[in-house]
PDB file of N, CA and C in Angstrom:
ATOM      1  N   UNK A   1     219.593-106.304-108.722  1.00  0.00           N
ATOM      2  CA  UNK A   1     220.858-105.702-108.996  1.00  0.00           C
ATOM      3  C   UNK A   1     220.871-104.262-108.614  1.00  0.00           C
ATOM      4  N   UNK A   2     221.826-103.820-107.948  1.00  0.00           N
ATOM      5  CA  UNK A   2     221.941-102.459-107.515  1.00  0.00           C
ATOM      6  C   UNK A   2     223.125-101.811-108.126  1.00  0.00           C
ATOM      7  N   UNK A   3     223.008-100.489-108.437  1.00  0.00           N
ATOM      8  CA  UNK A   3     224.181 -99.722-108.919  1.00  0.00           C
ATOM      9  C   UNK A   3     225.157 -99.427-107.793  1.00  0.00           C
ATOM     10  N   UNK A   4     226.273 -98.972-108.170  1.00  0.00           N
ATOM     11  CA  UNK A   4     227.362 -98.582-107.109  1.00  0.00           C
ATOM     12  C   UNK A   4     226.801 -97.531-106.214  1.00  0.00           C
ATOM     13  N   UNK A   5     226.090 -96.516-106.714  1.00  0.00           N
ATOM     14  CA  UNK A   5     225.559 -95.436-105.975  1.00  0.00           C
ATOM     15  C   UNK A   5     224.431 -95.931-105.019  1.00  0.00           C
ATOM     16  N   UNK A   6     223.595 -96.787-105.472  1.00  0.00           N
ATOM     17  CA  UNK A   6     222.555 -97.371-104.588  1.00  0.00           C
ATOM     18  C   UNK A   6     223.184 -98.227-103.492  1.00  0.00           C
ATOM     19  N   UNK A   7     224.227 -98.927-103.740  1.00  0.00           N
ATOM     20  CA  UNK A   7     224.864 -99.719-102.675  1.00  0.00           C
ATOM     21  C   UNK A   7     225.544 -98.821-101.706  1.00  0.00           C
ATOM     22  N   UNK A   8     226.176 -97.730-102.216  1.00  0.00           N
ATOM     23  CA  UNK A   8     226.803 -96.726-101.333  1.00  0.00           C
ATOM     24  C   UNK A   8     225.721 -96.111-100.393  1.00  0.00           C
ATOM     25  N   UNK A   9     224.607 -95.766-101.020  1.00  0.00           N
ATOM     26  CA  UNK A   9     223.532 -95.146-100.201  1.00  0.00           C
ATOM     27  C   UNK A   9     222.928 -96.011 -99.195  1.00  0.00           C
ATOM     28  N   UNK A  10     222.628 -97.277 -99.633  1.00  0.00           N
ATOM     29  CA  UNK A  10     221.993 -98.250 -98.683  1.00  0.00           C
ATOM     30  C   UNK A  10     223.031 -98.749 -97.649  1.00  0.00           C
ATOM     31  N   UNK A  11     224.383 -98.646 -97.944  1.00  0.00           N
ATOM     32  CA  UNK A  11     225.376 -99.020 -97.011  1.00  0.00           C
ATOM     33  C   UNK A  11     225.671 -98.004 -95.910  1.00  0.00           C
ATOM     34  N   UNK A  12     225.228 -96.797 -96.101  1.00  0.00           N
ATOM     35  CA  UNK A  12     225.601 -95.681 -95.156  1.00  0.00           C
ATOM     36  C   UNK A  12     224.590 -95.735 -93.996  1.00  0.00           C
ATOM     37  N   UNK A  13     224.965 -94.904 -92.971  1.00  0.00           N
ATOM     38  CA  UNK A  13     224.097 -94.765 -91.847  1.00  0.00           C
ATOM     39  C   UNK A  13     222.911 -93.901 -92.168  1.00  0.00           C
ATOM     40  N   UNK A  14     221.763 -94.453 -92.248  1.00  0.00           N
ATOM     41  CA  UNK A  14     220.512 -93.753 -92.708  1.00  0.00           C
ATOM     42  C   UNK A  14     219.625 -93.384 -91.542  1.00  0.00           C
ATOM     43  N   UNK A  15     220.085 -93.342 -90.305  1.00  0.00           N
ATOM     44  CA  UNK A  15     219.169 -93.165 -89.180  1.00  0.00           C
ATOM     45  C   UNK A  15     218.410 -91.838 -89.197  1.00  0.00           C
ATOM     46  N   UNK A  16     218.974 -90.853 -89.826  1.00  0.00           N
ATOM     47  CA  UNK A  16     218.315 -89.566 -89.977  1.00  0.00           C
ATOM     48  C   UNK A  16     217.202 -89.525 -91.056  1.00  0.00           C
ATOM     49  N   UNK A  17     217.162 -90.622 -91.841  1.00  0.00           N
ATOM     50  CA  UNK A  17     216.180 -90.605 -92.922  1.00  0.00           C
ATOM     51  C   UNK A  17     215.415 -91.962 -92.853  1.00  0.00           C
ATOM     52  N   UNK A  18     214.277 -91.924 -92.148  1.00  0.00           N
ATOM     53  CA  UNK A  18     213.476 -93.182 -91.882  1.00  0.00           C
ATOM     54  C   UNK A  18     213.048 -93.966 -93.133  1.00  0.00           C
ATOM     55  N   UNK A  19     212.785 -93.285 -94.205  1.00  0.00           N
ATOM     56  CA  UNK A  19     212.342 -93.998 -95.452  1.00  0.00           C
ATOM     57  C   UNK A  19     213.516 -94.809 -95.922  1.00  0.00           C
ATOM     58  N   UNK A  20     214.706 -94.222 -95.903  1.00  0.00           N
ATOM     59  CA  UNK A  20     215.874 -94.987 -96.380  1.00  0.00           C
ATOM     60  C   UNK A  20     216.205 -96.132 -95.404  1.00  0.00           C
ATOM     61  N   UNK A  21     216.002 -95.977 -94.151  1.00  0.00           N
ATOM     62  CA  UNK A  21     216.257 -96.986 -93.110  1.00  0.00           C
ATOM     63  C   UNK A  21     215.346 -98.216 -93.366  1.00  0.00           C
ATOM     64  N   UNK A  22     214.076 -97.883 -93.697  1.00  0.00           N
ATOM     65  CA  UNK A  22     213.105 -98.956 -94.014  1.00  0.00           C
ATOM     66  C   UNK A  22     213.456 -99.777 -95.237  1.00  0.00           C
ATOM     67  N   UNK A  23     213.962 -99.045 -96.259  1.00  0.00           N
ATOM     68  CA  UNK A  23     214.395 -99.704 -97.451  1.00  0.00           C
ATOM     69  C   UNK A  23     215.601-100.481 -97.218  1.00  0.00           C
ATOM     70  N   UNK A  24     216.477-100.034 -96.437  1.00  0.00           N
ATOM     71  CA  UNK A  24     217.724-100.724 -96.136  1.00  0.00           C
ATOM     72  C   UNK A  24     217.427-102.018 -95.429  1.00  0.00           C
ATOM     73  N   UNK A  25     216.547-102.044 -94.458  1.00  0.00           N
ATOM     74  CA  UNK A  25     216.107-103.197 -93.684  1.00  0.00           C
ATOM     75  C   UNK A  25     215.447-104.167 -94.675  1.00  0.00           C
ATOM     76  N   UNK A  26     214.550-103.680 -95.474  1.00  0.00           N
ATOM     77  CA  UNK A  26     213.894-104.586 -96.428  1.00  0.00           C
ATOM     78  C   UNK A  26     214.791-105.256 -97.453  1.00  0.00           C
ATOM     79  N   UNK A  27     215.798-104.438 -97.852  1.00  0.00           N
ATOM     80  CA  UNK A  27     216.816-104.974 -98.829  1.00  0.00           C
ATOM     81  C   UNK A  27     217.686-106.130 -98.167  1.00  0.00           C
ATOM     82  N   UNK A  28     217.732-106.038 -96.821  1.00  0.00           N
ATOM     83  CA  UNK A  28     218.485-107.084 -96.108  1.00  0.00           C
ATOM     84  C   UNK A  28     217.542-108.240 -95.795  1.00  0.00           C
ATOM     85  N   UNK A  29     216.365-108.236 -96.352  1.00  0.00           N
ATOM     86  CA  UNK A  29     215.369-109.275 -96.203  1.00  0.00           C
ATOM     87  C   UNK A  29     214.829-109.349 -94.751  1.00  0.00           C
ATOM     88  N   UNK A  30     214.493-108.245 -94.167  1.00  0.00           N
ATOM     89  CA  UNK A  30     213.971-108.130 -92.870  1.00  0.00           C
ATOM     90  C   UNK A  30     212.683-108.925 -92.876  1.00  0.00           C
ATOM     91  N   UNK A  31     212.458-109.810 -91.864  1.00  0.00           N
ATOM     92  CA  UNK A  31     211.325-110.657 -91.763  1.00  0.00           C
ATOM     93  C   UNK A  31     210.441-110.192 -90.625  1.00  0.00           C
ATOM     94  N   UNK A  32     210.789-109.090 -89.967  1.00  0.00           N
ATOM     95  CA  UNK A  32     209.945-108.706 -88.811  1.00  0.00           C
ATOM     96  C   UNK A  32     208.748-107.904 -89.183  1.00  0.00           C
ATOM     97  N   UNK A  33     208.678-107.450 -90.394  1.00  0.00           N
ATOM     98  CA  UNK A  33     207.507-106.605 -90.805  1.00  0.00           C
ATOM     99  C   UNK A  33     206.564-107.607 -91.690  1.00  0.00           C
ATOM    100  N   UNK A  34     205.362-107.170 -91.891  1.00  0.00           N
ATOM    101  CA  UNK A  34     204.409-108.053 -92.601  1.00  0.00           C
ATOM    102  C   UNK A  34     204.203-107.497 -94.000  1.00  0.00           C
ATOM    103  N   UNK A  35     205.115-106.873 -94.636  1.00  0.00           N
ATOM    104  CA  UNK A  35     204.933-106.261 -95.923  1.00  0.00           C
ATOM    105  C   UNK A  35     204.976-107.320 -97.057  1.00  0.00           C
ATOM    106  N   UNK A  36     205.714-108.359 -96.926  1.00  0.00           N
ATOM    107  CA  UNK A  36     205.823-109.357 -98.007  1.00  0.00           C
ATOM    108  C   UNK A  36     206.754-108.844 -99.071  1.00  0.00           C
ATOM    109  N   UNK A  37     206.751-109.336-100.216  1.00  0.00           N
ATOM    110  CA  UNK A  37     207.591-108.911-101.326  1.00  0.00           C
ATOM    111  C   UNK A  37     207.293-107.514-101.776  1.00  0.00           C
ATOM    112  N   UNK A  38     208.344-106.725-101.937  1.00  0.00           N
ATOM    113  CA  UNK A  38     208.248-105.312-102.338  1.00  0.00           C
ATOM    114  C   UNK A  38     209.371-105.080-103.429  1.00  0.00           C
ATOM    115  N   UNK A  39     209.124-104.030-104.200  1.00  0.00           N
ATOM    116  CA  UNK A  39     210.088-103.618-105.177  1.00  0.00           C
ATOM    117  C   UNK A  39     211.016-102.551-104.542  1.00  0.00           C
ATOM    118  N   UNK A  40     212.231-102.931-104.186  1.00  0.00           N
ATOM    119  CA  UNK A  40     213.194-102.049-103.503  1.00  0.00           C
ATOM    120  C   UNK A  40     213.384-100.837-104.389  1.00  0.00           C
ATOM    121  N   UNK A  41     213.597-100.988-105.695  1.00  0.00           N
ATOM    122  CA  UNK A  41     213.912 -99.797-106.492  1.00  0.00           C
ATOM    123  C   UNK A  41     212.748 -98.815-106.586  1.00  0.00           C
ATOM    124  N   UNK A  42     211.551 -99.273-106.527  1.00  0.00           N
ATOM    125  CA  UNK A  42     210.410 -98.294-106.545  1.00  0.00           C
ATOM    126  C   UNK A  42     210.347 -97.663-105.197  1.00  0.00           C
ATOM    127  N   UNK A  43     210.652 -98.327-104.120  1.00  0.00           N
ATOM    128  CA  UNK A  43     210.639 -97.736-102.762  1.00  0.00           C
ATOM    129  C   UNK A  43     211.771 -96.712-102.704  1.00  0.00           C
ATOM    130  N   UNK A  44     212.940 -97.011-103.234  1.00  0.00           N
ATOM    131  CA  UNK A  44     214.057 -96.148-103.239  1.00  0.00           C
ATOM    132  C   UNK A  44     213.743 -94.867-104.100  1.00  0.00           C
ATOM    133  N   UNK A  45     213.079 -95.014-105.196  1.00  0.00           N
ATOM    134  CA  UNK A  45     212.758 -93.908-106.046  1.00  0.00           C
ATOM    135  C   UNK A  45     211.764 -93.001-105.332  1.00  0.00           C
ATOM    136  N   UNK A  46     210.736 -93.569-104.608  1.00  0.00           N
ATOM    137  CA  UNK A  46     209.824 -92.714-103.874  1.00  0.00           C
ATOM    138  C   UNK A  46     210.582 -91.944-102.793  1.00  0.00           C
ATOM    139  N   UNK A  47     211.459 -92.638-102.061  1.00  0.00           N
ATOM    140  CA  UNK A  47     212.204 -91.962-100.960  1.00  0.00           C
ATOM    141  C   UNK A  47     213.030 -90.788-101.463  1.00  0.00           C
ATOM    142  N   UNK A  48     213.779 -91.072-102.614  1.00  0.00           N
ATOM    143  CA  UNK A  48     214.613 -90.076-103.150  1.00  0.00           C
ATOM    144  C   UNK A  48     213.806 -88.898-103.674  1.00  0.00           C
ATOM    145  N   UNK A  49     212.621 -89.138-104.240  1.00  0.00           N
ATOM    146  CA  UNK A  49     211.794 -88.032-104.688  1.00  0.00           C
ATOM    147  C   UNK A  49     211.314 -87.205-103.488  1.00  0.00           C
ATOM    148  N   UNK A  50     211.078 -87.829-102.382  1.00  0.00           N
ATOM    149  CA  UNK A  50     210.698 -87.131-101.150  1.00  0.00           C
ATOM    150  C   UNK A  50     211.796 -86.262-100.590  1.00  0.00           C
ATOM    151  N   UNK A  51     213.037 -86.892-100.596  1.00  0.00           N
ATOM    152  CA  UNK A  51     214.165 -86.201 -99.911  1.00  0.00           C
ATOM    153  C   UNK A  51     214.969 -85.303-100.842  1.00  0.00           C
ATOM    154  N   UNK A  52     214.719 -85.263-102.083  1.00  0.00           N
ATOM    155  CA  UNK A  52     215.586 -84.507-103.022  1.00  0.00           C
ATOM    156  C   UNK A  52     215.542 -83.069-102.896  1.00  0.00           C
ATOM    157  N   UNK A  53     214.584 -82.528-102.112  1.00  0.00           N
ATOM    158  CA  UNK A  53     214.555 -81.095-101.803  1.00  0.00           C
ATOM    159  C   UNK A  53     214.985 -80.740-100.378  1.00  0.00           C
ATOM    160  N   UNK A  54     215.406 -81.800 -99.673  1.00  0.00           N
ATOM    161  CA  UNK A  54     215.883 -81.562 -98.265  1.00  0.00           C
ATOM    162  C   UNK A  54     217.342 -81.302 -98.292  1.00  0.00           C
ATOM    163  N   UNK A  55     217.676 -80.081 -97.789  1.00  0.00           N
ATOM    164  CA  UNK A  55     219.056 -79.645 -97.835  1.00  0.00           C
ATOM    165  C   UNK A  55     220.008 -80.544 -96.966  1.00  0.00           C
ATOM    166  N   UNK A  56     219.456 -80.994 -95.826  1.00  0.00           N
ATOM    167  CA  UNK A  56     220.303 -81.878 -94.980  1.00  0.00           C
ATOM    168  C   UNK A  56     220.568 -83.263 -95.681  1.00  0.00           C
ATOM    169  N   UNK A  57     219.634 -83.758 -96.400  1.00  0.00           N
ATOM    170  CA  UNK A  57     219.800 -84.991 -97.140  1.00  0.00           C
ATOM    171  C   UNK A  57     220.760 -84.794 -98.225  1.00  0.00           C
ATOM    172  N   UNK A  58     220.672 -83.708 -98.978  1.00  0.00           N
ATOM    173  CA  UNK A  58     221.661 -83.519-100.081  1.00  0.00           C
ATOM    174  C   UNK A  58     223.029 -83.259 -99.574  1.00  0.00           C
ATOM    175  N   UNK A  59     223.180 -82.542 -98.444  1.00  0.00           N
ATOM    176  CA  UNK A  59     224.543 -82.343 -97.889  1.00  0.00           C
ATOM    177  C   UNK A  59     225.130 -83.694 -97.492  1.00  0.00           C
ATOM    178  N   UNK A  60     224.283 -84.599 -96.812  1.00  0.00           N
ATOM    179  CA  UNK A  60     224.701 -85.917 -96.443  1.00  0.00           C
ATOM    180  C   UNK A  60     225.048 -86.722 -97.648  1.00  0.00           C
ATOM    181  N   UNK A  61     224.320 -86.636 -98.714  1.00  0.00           N
ATOM    182  CA  UNK A  61     224.584 -87.376 -99.982  1.00  0.00           C
ATOM    183  C   UNK A  61     226.008 -86.850-100.552  1.00  0.00           C
ATOM    184  N   UNK A  62     226.206 -85.596-100.419  1.00  0.00           N
ATOM    185  CA  UNK A  62     227.480 -85.075-100.990  1.00  0.00           C
ATOM    186  C   UNK A  62     228.700 -85.578-100.186  1.00  0.00           C
ATOM    187  N   UNK A  63     228.507 -86.101 -99.082  1.00  0.00           N
ATOM    188  CA  UNK A  63     229.681 -86.689 -98.328  1.00  0.00           C
ATOM    189  C   UNK A  63     229.861 -88.087 -98.793  1.00  0.00           C
ATOM    190  N   UNK A  64     228.846 -88.757 -99.361  1.00  0.00           N
ATOM    191  CA  UNK A  64     228.924 -90.118 -99.858  1.00  0.00           C
ATOM    192  C   UNK A  64     229.447 -90.189-101.331  1.00  0.00           C
ATOM    193  N   UNK A  65     228.962 -89.294-102.167  1.00  0.00           N
ATOM    194  CA  UNK A  65     229.329 -89.325-103.580  1.00  0.00           C
ATOM    195  C   UNK A  65     229.127 -87.963-104.190  1.00  0.00           C
ATOM    196  N   UNK A  66     229.729 -87.776-105.370  1.00  0.00           N
ATOM    197  CA  UNK A  66     229.651 -86.503-106.058  1.00  0.00           C
ATOM    198  C   UNK A  66     228.284 -86.162-106.536  1.00  0.00           C
ATOM    199  N   UNK A  67     227.817 -84.981-106.325  1.00  0.00           N
ATOM    200  CA  UNK A  67     226.573 -84.432-106.893  1.00  0.00           C
ATOM    201  C   UNK A  67     226.821 -83.547-108.051  1.00  0.00           C
ATOM    202  N   UNK A  68     226.094 -83.442-109.054  1.00  0.00           N
ATOM    203  CA  UNK A  68     224.787 -84.126-109.253  1.00  0.00           C
ATOM    204  C   UNK A  68     224.958 -85.542-109.706  1.00  0.00           C
ATOM    205  N   UNK A  69     224.007 -86.370-109.384  1.00  0.00           N
ATOM    206  CA  UNK A  69     224.003 -87.736-109.826  1.00  0.00           C
ATOM    207  C   UNK A  69     222.564 -88.279-109.996  1.00  0.00           C
ATOM    208  N   UNK A  70     222.508 -89.456-110.612  1.00  0.00           N
ATOM    209  CA  UNK A  70     221.179 -89.978-110.813  1.00  0.00           C
ATOM    210  C   UNK A  70     221.114 -91.408-110.136  1.00  0.00           C
ATOM    211  N   UNK A  71     220.144 -91.556-109.237  1.00  0.00           N
ATOM    212  CA  UNK A  71     219.984 -92.789-108.525  1.00  0.00           C
ATOM    213  C   UNK A  71     218.488 -93.221-108.648  1.00  0.00           C
ATOM    214  N   UNK A  72     218.261 -94.407-109.106  1.00  0.00           N
ATOM    215  CA  UNK A  72     216.940 -94.944-109.309  1.00  0.00           C
ATOM    216  C   UNK A  72     216.042 -94.097-110.174  1.00  0.00           C
ATOM    217  N   UNK A  73     216.689 -93.347-111.132  1.00  0.00           N
ATOM    218  CA  UNK A  73     215.925 -92.512-112.033  1.00  0.00           C
ATOM    219  C   UNK A  73     215.637 -91.106-111.395  1.00  0.00           C
ATOM    220  N   UNK A  74     216.220 -90.820-110.301  1.00  0.00           N
ATOM    221  CA  UNK A  74     215.990 -89.505-109.596  1.00  0.00           C
ATOM    222  C   UNK A  74     217.323 -88.736-109.640  1.00  0.00           C
ATOM    223  N   UNK A  75     217.303 -87.503-110.118  1.00  0.00           N
ATOM    224  CA  UNK A  75     218.469 -86.714-110.128  1.00  0.00           C
ATOM    225  C   UNK A  75     218.609 -85.989-108.853  1.00  0.00           C
ATOM    226  N   UNK A  76     219.754 -86.174-108.179  1.00  0.00           N
ATOM    227  CA  UNK A  76     220.061 -85.419-106.961  1.00  0.00           C
ATOM    228  C   UNK A  76     221.149 -84.423-107.282  1.00  0.00           C
ATOM    229  N   UNK A  77     220.844 -83.201-106.895  1.00  0.00           N
ATOM    230  CA  UNK A  77     221.888 -82.134-107.120  1.00  0.00           C
ATOM    231  C   UNK A  77     221.860 -81.185-105.895  1.00  0.00           C
ATOM    232  N   UNK A  78     222.970 -80.502-105.713  1.00  0.00           N
ATOM    233  CA  UNK A  78     223.064 -79.575-104.591  1.00  0.00           C
ATOM    234  C   UNK A  78     222.113 -78.470-104.654  1.00  0.00           C
ATOM    235  N   UNK A  79     221.583 -77.905-103.622  1.00  0.00           N
ATOM    236  CA  UNK A  79     220.649 -76.813-103.701  1.00  0.00           C
ATOM    237  C   UNK A  79     221.196 -75.721-104.494  1.00  0.00           C
ATOM    238  N   UNK A  80     220.307 -75.110-105.379  1.00  0.00           N
ATOM    239  CA  UNK A  80     220.678 -73.967-106.293  1.00  0.00           C
ATOM    240  C   UNK A  80     221.688 -74.439-107.331  1.00  0.00           C
ATOM    241  N   UNK A  81     221.803 -75.764-107.630  1.00  0.00           N
ATOM    242  CA  UNK A  81     222.689 -76.260-108.597  1.00  0.00           C
ATOM    243  C   UNK A  81     224.150 -76.141-108.302  1.00  0.00           C
ATOM    244  N   UNK A  82     224.538 -75.786-106.992  1.00  0.00           N
ATOM    245  CA  UNK A  82     225.888 -75.658-106.694  1.00  0.00           C
ATOM    246  C   UNK A  82     226.624 -76.932-106.297  1.00  0.00           C
TER     247      UNK A  82
END
């Protein structure tokens, strides 16, 4: 079960963010990789923790939804809290 923000994030064009692209493909039940069953939410949490300090990522997120927000237990907010 995904939240509205998770669905919005995974439904967007994630080509600039390879970790999100991998999660998106796995969520669609990609069978071309040999990973087997994975926890999409833990992968999403790891990706968001990695990208949460990336200004380009945060600007991209602000075009999708209002910041600050909490996705997969990770708080995303604009740089310098703006």
